[in-house]
Amino acid sequence: MKTKLIKLLAVTTLALGVSSAWAQGVIHQGEVIDTMNGGGYTYVQVKEADKTYWAAGPQVVVAKGDKVEMSEQMWMNDFKSSSLNRTFDEIMFVGQIVKK
């Protein structure tokens, strides 16, 4: 009985660790090369290493050249922003954009 309880606790601990790591998402850091606000969101085009992409999160003040950090939550393809009247081929949504 004690062995089964220990195994159950180990599996539960592992599951909670994996789910919390998944919820946190991958951390991205890069330089803002373009930015705009619309509909309560800030959109940033970020250069991270050899990749350039768009990200969107709750509105914050950032400018071109700023270094930012974001936690990846979800990617969308062909996202239409009605407030910007623009479609993004691919965009990452984040919980917050933090200026570093």
N, C-alpha and C. Protein backbone atom coordinates (compact mmCIF):
# COMPACT_ATOMS: atom_id res chain seq x y z
N MET A 1 0.82 -1.20 0.00
CA MET A 1 0.00 0.00 0.00
C MET A 1 0.87 1.26 0.00
N LYS A 2 1.91 1.26 0.82
CA LYS A 2 2.80 2.41 0.92
C LYS A 2 3.52 2.65 -0.41
N THR A 3 3.91 1.58 -1.09
CA THR A 3 4.59 1.69 -2.39
C THR A 3 3.67 2.31 -3.43
N LYS A 4 2.39 1.90 -3.42
CA LYS A 4 1.42 2.46 -4.36
C LYS A 4 1.22 3.95 -4.12
N LEU A 5 1.17 4.35 -2.85
CA LEU A 5 1.01 5.76 -2.50
C LEU A 5 2.20 6.58 -2.96
N ILE A 6 3.40 6.05 -2.77
CA ILE A 6 4.62 6.75 -3.20
C ILE A 6 4.62 6.91 -4.72
N LYS A 7 4.25 5.85 -5.44
CA LYS A 7 4.19 5.92 -6.91
C LYS A 7 3.16 6.96 -7.35
N LEU A 8 2.00 6.98 -6.70
CA LEU A 8 0.95 7.94 -7.04
C LEU A 8 1.43 9.37 -6.80
N LEU A 9 2.09 9.61 -5.69
CA LEU A 9 2.63 10.94 -5.41
C LEU A 9 3.68 11.35 -6.43
N ALA A 10 4.53 10.41 -6.82
CA ALA A 10 5.57 10.71 -7.82
C ALA A 10 4.95 11.07 -9.16
N VAL A 11 3.96 10.31 -9.59
CA VAL A 11 3.29 10.59 -10.87
C VAL A 11 2.56 11.92 -10.81
N THR A 12 1.88 12.21 -9.70
CA THR A 12 1.17 13.48 -9.54
C THR A 12 2.14 14.65 -9.58
N THR A 13 3.25 14.54 -8.87
CA THR A 13 4.26 15.60 -8.86
C THR A 13 4.81 15.84 -10.27
N LEU A 14 5.11 14.78 -10.98
CA LEU A 14 5.60 14.91 -12.34
C LEU A 14 4.57 15.57 -13.24
N ALA A 15 3.31 15.16 -13.12
CA ALA A 15 2.24 15.73 -13.95
C ALA A 15 2.06 17.21 -13.66
N LEU A 16 2.09 17.59 -12.40
CA LEU A 16 1.96 19.01 -12.05
C LEU A 16 3.14 19.82 -12.56
N GLY A 17 4.33 19.26 -12.48
CA GLY A 17 5.52 19.96 -12.99
C GLY A 17 5.44 20.16 -14.48
N VAL A 18 5.02 19.15 -15.22
CA VAL A 18 4.90 19.26 -16.68
C VAL A 18 3.82 20.25 -17.05
N SER A 19 2.66 20.21 -16.39
CA SER A 19 1.57 21.11 -16.76
C SER A 19 1.91 22.56 -16.42
N SER A 20 2.62 22.80 -15.31
CA SER A 20 2.98 24.18 -14.98
C SER A 20 4.04 24.71 -15.94
N ALA A 21 4.96 23.86 -16.38
CA ALA A 21 5.95 24.28 -17.37
C ALA A 21 5.26 24.59 -18.69
N TRP A 22 4.28 23.78 -19.06
CA TRP A 22 3.55 24.02 -20.30
C TRP A 22 2.78 25.33 -20.21
N ALA A 23 2.15 25.60 -19.06
CA ALA A 23 1.35 26.81 -18.90
C ALA A 23 2.23 28.06 -18.98
N GLN A 24 3.47 27.96 -18.53
CA GLN A 24 4.36 29.12 -18.55
C GLN A 24 4.79 29.44 -19.97
N GLY A 25 4.90 28.47 -20.83
CA GLY A 25 5.29 28.71 -22.20
C GLY A 25 6.78 28.96 -22.35
N VAL A 26 7.20 29.00 -23.59
CA VAL A 26 8.59 29.26 -23.94
C VAL A 26 8.83 30.76 -23.79
N ILE A 27 9.95 31.11 -23.19
CA ILE A 27 10.31 32.52 -23.03
C ILE A 27 11.05 33.00 -24.27
N HIS A 28 10.59 34.11 -24.84
CA HIS A 28 11.22 34.72 -26.01
C HIS A 28 11.78 36.08 -25.62
N GLN A 29 12.96 36.40 -26.14
CA GLN A 29 13.58 37.70 -25.93
C GLN A 29 14.09 38.20 -27.27
N GLY A 30 13.93 39.48 -27.50
CA GLY A 30 14.44 40.04 -28.75
C GLY A 30 14.32 41.54 -28.78
N GLU A 31 14.63 42.09 -29.95
CA GLU A 31 14.60 43.54 -30.16
C GLU A 31 13.38 43.91 -30.98
N VAL A 32 12.68 44.96 -30.54
CA VAL A 32 11.50 45.45 -31.26
C VAL A 32 11.97 46.17 -32.53
N ILE A 33 11.49 45.70 -33.68
CA ILE A 33 11.83 46.38 -34.93
C ILE A 33 10.64 47.13 -35.50
N ASP A 34 9.44 46.87 -34.97
CA ASP A 34 8.25 47.63 -35.34
C ASP A 34 7.22 47.41 -34.25
N THR A 35 6.36 48.39 -34.02
CA THR A 35 5.33 48.26 -33.00
C THR A 35 4.14 49.13 -33.33
N MET A 36 2.98 48.72 -32.87
CA MET A 36 1.75 49.49 -33.04
C MET A 36 0.75 49.05 -31.99
N ASN A 37 -0.19 49.93 -31.65
CA ASN A 37 -1.24 49.61 -30.69
C ASN A 37 -2.58 49.64 -31.40
N GLY A 38 -3.48 48.77 -30.95
CA GLY A 38 -4.83 48.77 -31.49
C GLY A 38 -5.72 47.83 -30.70
N GLY A 39 -6.92 48.29 -30.39
CA GLY A 39 -7.89 47.45 -29.70
C GLY A 39 -7.46 47.00 -28.32
N GLY A 40 -6.63 47.80 -27.64
CA GLY A 40 -6.17 47.43 -26.31
C GLY A 40 -4.97 46.51 -26.29
N TYR A 41 -4.41 46.24 -27.45
CA TYR A 41 -3.25 45.36 -27.57
C TYR A 41 -2.06 46.11 -28.14
N THR A 42 -0.88 45.64 -27.77
CA THR A 42 0.35 46.11 -28.40
C THR A 42 0.85 44.99 -29.30
N TYR A 43 1.16 45.35 -30.53
CA TYR A 43 1.71 44.43 -31.50
C TYR A 43 3.17 44.80 -31.68
N VAL A 44 4.06 43.83 -31.57
CA VAL A 44 5.48 44.07 -31.75
C VAL A 44 6.05 43.10 -32.78
N GLN A 45 6.84 43.63 -33.67
CA GLN A 45 7.62 42.77 -34.56
C GLN A 45 8.98 42.65 -33.90
N VAL A 46 9.38 41.42 -33.63
CA VAL A 46 10.57 41.16 -32.83
C VAL A 46 11.61 40.40 -33.64
N LYS A 47 12.87 40.80 -33.49
CA LYS A 47 13.98 40.04 -34.06
C LYS A 47 14.64 39.30 -32.91
N GLU A 48 14.59 37.98 -32.99
CA GLU A 48 15.17 37.11 -31.97
C GLU A 48 16.14 36.18 -32.67
N ALA A 49 17.43 36.38 -32.40
CA ALA A 49 18.49 35.61 -33.08
C ALA A 49 18.32 35.79 -34.58
N ASP A 50 18.07 34.72 -35.31
CA ASP A 50 17.95 34.83 -36.78
C ASP A 50 16.50 34.77 -37.26
N LYS A 51 15.54 34.95 -36.33
CA LYS A 51 14.12 34.86 -36.68
C LYS A 51 13.42 36.19 -36.38
N THR A 52 12.50 36.58 -37.27
CA THR A 52 11.68 37.76 -37.07
C THR A 52 10.22 37.32 -37.07
N TYR A 53 9.44 37.82 -36.10
CA TYR A 53 8.03 37.43 -35.99
C TYR A 53 7.24 38.53 -35.31
N TRP A 54 5.91 38.43 -35.41
CA TRP A 54 5.00 39.36 -34.73
C TRP A 54 4.46 38.70 -33.46
N ALA A 55 4.27 39.52 -32.43
CA ALA A 55 3.66 39.08 -31.18
C ALA A 55 2.66 40.14 -30.74
N ALA A 56 1.65 39.72 -29.97
CA ALA A 56 0.65 40.66 -29.46
C ALA A 56 0.33 40.31 -28.02
N GLY A 57 0.17 41.37 -27.22
CA GLY A 57 -0.18 41.19 -25.81
C GLY A 57 -0.90 42.43 -25.31
N PRO A 58 -1.28 42.45 -24.04
CA PRO A 58 -1.95 43.63 -23.48
C PRO A 58 -1.10 44.88 -23.72
N GLN A 59 -1.78 45.99 -23.93
CA GLN A 59 -1.11 47.23 -24.32
C GLN A 59 -0.07 47.68 -23.31
N VAL A 60 1.13 48.02 -23.84
CA VAL A 60 2.23 48.55 -23.04
C VAL A 60 2.97 49.57 -23.91
N VAL A 61 3.82 50.34 -23.28
CA VAL A 61 4.62 51.32 -24.01
C VAL A 61 5.96 50.70 -24.36
N VAL A 62 6.20 50.50 -25.65
CA VAL A 62 7.49 50.03 -26.16
C VAL A 62 7.79 50.80 -27.43
N ALA A 63 9.06 50.85 -27.79
CA ALA A 63 9.49 51.58 -28.97
C ALA A 63 10.48 50.74 -29.77
N LYS A 64 10.64 51.11 -31.02
CA LYS A 64 11.64 50.42 -31.84
C LYS A 64 12.98 50.49 -31.15
N GLY A 65 13.69 49.38 -31.16
CA GLY A 65 15.00 49.31 -30.52
C GLY A 65 14.97 48.78 -29.10
N ASP A 66 13.78 48.79 -28.45
CA ASP A 66 13.67 48.26 -27.10
C ASP A 66 13.90 46.75 -27.11
N LYS A 67 14.47 46.24 -26.02
CA LYS A 67 14.59 44.80 -25.81
C LYS A 67 13.37 44.37 -25.00
N VAL A 68 12.72 43.27 -25.43
CA VAL A 68 11.53 42.79 -24.75
C VAL A 68 11.64 41.30 -24.44
N GLU A 69 10.82 40.88 -23.48
CA GLU A 69 10.73 39.47 -23.12
C GLU A 69 9.25 39.11 -23.04
N MET A 70 8.91 37.92 -23.55
CA MET A 70 7.52 37.48 -23.59
C MET A 70 7.45 35.98 -23.36
N SER A 71 6.36 35.53 -22.78
CA SER A 71 6.13 34.10 -22.58
C SER A 71 5.09 33.64 -23.61
N GLU A 72 5.51 32.72 -24.45
CA GLU A 72 4.65 32.22 -25.53
C GLU A 72 3.41 31.54 -24.96
N GLN A 73 2.23 31.92 -25.53
CA GLN A 73 0.99 31.27 -25.12
C GLN A 73 0.33 30.55 -26.28
N MET A 74 0.25 31.21 -27.44
CA MET A 74 -0.45 30.61 -28.57
C MET A 74 -0.03 31.28 -29.86
N TRP A 75 0.13 30.49 -30.93
CA TRP A 75 0.41 31.01 -32.26
C TRP A 75 -0.86 30.92 -33.09
N MET A 76 -1.08 31.92 -33.94
CA MET A 76 -2.21 31.88 -34.87
C MET A 76 -1.71 32.22 -36.27
N ASN A 77 -2.31 31.58 -37.25
CA ASN A 77 -2.03 31.87 -38.65
C ASN A 77 -3.18 32.68 -39.24
N ASP A 78 -2.85 33.57 -40.16
CA ASP A 78 -3.84 34.40 -40.86
C ASP A 78 -4.77 35.12 -39.88
N PHE A 79 -4.19 35.75 -38.86
CA PHE A 79 -4.97 36.48 -37.86
C PHE A 79 -5.34 37.86 -38.39
N LYS A 80 -6.64 38.16 -38.40
CA LYS A 80 -7.14 39.45 -38.88
C LYS A 80 -7.41 40.34 -37.68
N SER A 81 -6.68 41.45 -37.60
CA SER A 81 -6.93 42.44 -36.55
C SER A 81 -7.87 43.49 -37.15
N SER A 82 -9.09 43.53 -36.66
CA SER A 82 -10.05 44.50 -37.20
C SER A 82 -9.68 45.92 -36.76
N SER A 83 -9.08 46.08 -35.57
CA SER A 83 -8.71 47.42 -35.11
C SER A 83 -7.56 48.00 -35.92
N LEU A 84 -6.68 47.15 -36.45
CA LEU A 84 -5.57 47.63 -37.28
C LEU A 84 -5.87 47.50 -38.78
N ASN A 85 -6.98 46.82 -39.09
CA ASN A 85 -7.32 46.55 -40.49
C ASN A 85 -6.14 45.89 -41.20
N ARG A 86 -5.65 44.82 -40.56
CA ARG A 86 -4.46 44.14 -41.06
C ARG A 86 -4.54 42.65 -40.73
N THR A 87 -4.02 41.84 -41.63
CA THR A 87 -3.93 40.41 -41.40
C THR A 87 -2.47 40.04 -41.22
N PHE A 88 -2.18 39.31 -40.14
CA PHE A 88 -0.83 38.83 -39.86
C PHE A 88 -0.75 37.38 -40.34
N ASP A 89 0.24 37.08 -41.16
CA ASP A 89 0.42 35.71 -41.64
C ASP A 89 0.56 34.74 -40.48
N GLU A 90 1.37 35.13 -39.49
CA GLU A 90 1.58 34.32 -38.29
C GLU A 90 1.86 35.29 -37.14
N ILE A 91 1.25 35.04 -35.99
CA ILE A 91 1.45 35.92 -34.84
C ILE A 91 1.40 35.09 -33.56
N MET A 92 2.22 35.48 -32.59
CA MET A 92 2.25 34.82 -31.29
C MET A 92 1.52 35.70 -30.29
N PHE A 93 0.57 35.12 -29.56
CA PHE A 93 -0.10 35.85 -28.50
C PHE A 93 0.57 35.54 -27.18
N VAL A 94 0.74 36.59 -26.35
CA VAL A 94 1.46 36.47 -25.09
C VAL A 94 0.65 37.11 -23.98
N GLY A 95 0.94 36.72 -22.74
CA GLY A 95 0.25 37.28 -21.58
C GLY A 95 0.70 38.69 -21.27
N GLN A 96 1.97 39.00 -21.57
CA GLN A 96 2.50 40.35 -21.36
C GLN A 96 3.78 40.52 -22.15
N ILE A 97 4.06 41.76 -22.47
CA ILE A 97 5.31 42.13 -23.13
C ILE A 97 6.07 42.96 -22.10
N VAL A 98 7.24 42.49 -21.71
CA VAL A 98 8.04 43.16 -20.68
C VAL A 98 9.25 43.81 -21.32
N LYS A 99 9.38 45.13 -21.11
CA LYS A 99 10.54 45.85 -21.62
C LYS A 99 11.71 45.59 -20.70
N LYS A 100 12.85 45.22 -21.28
CA LYS A 100 14.06 44.91 -20.50
C LYS A 100 15.05 46.04 -20.55
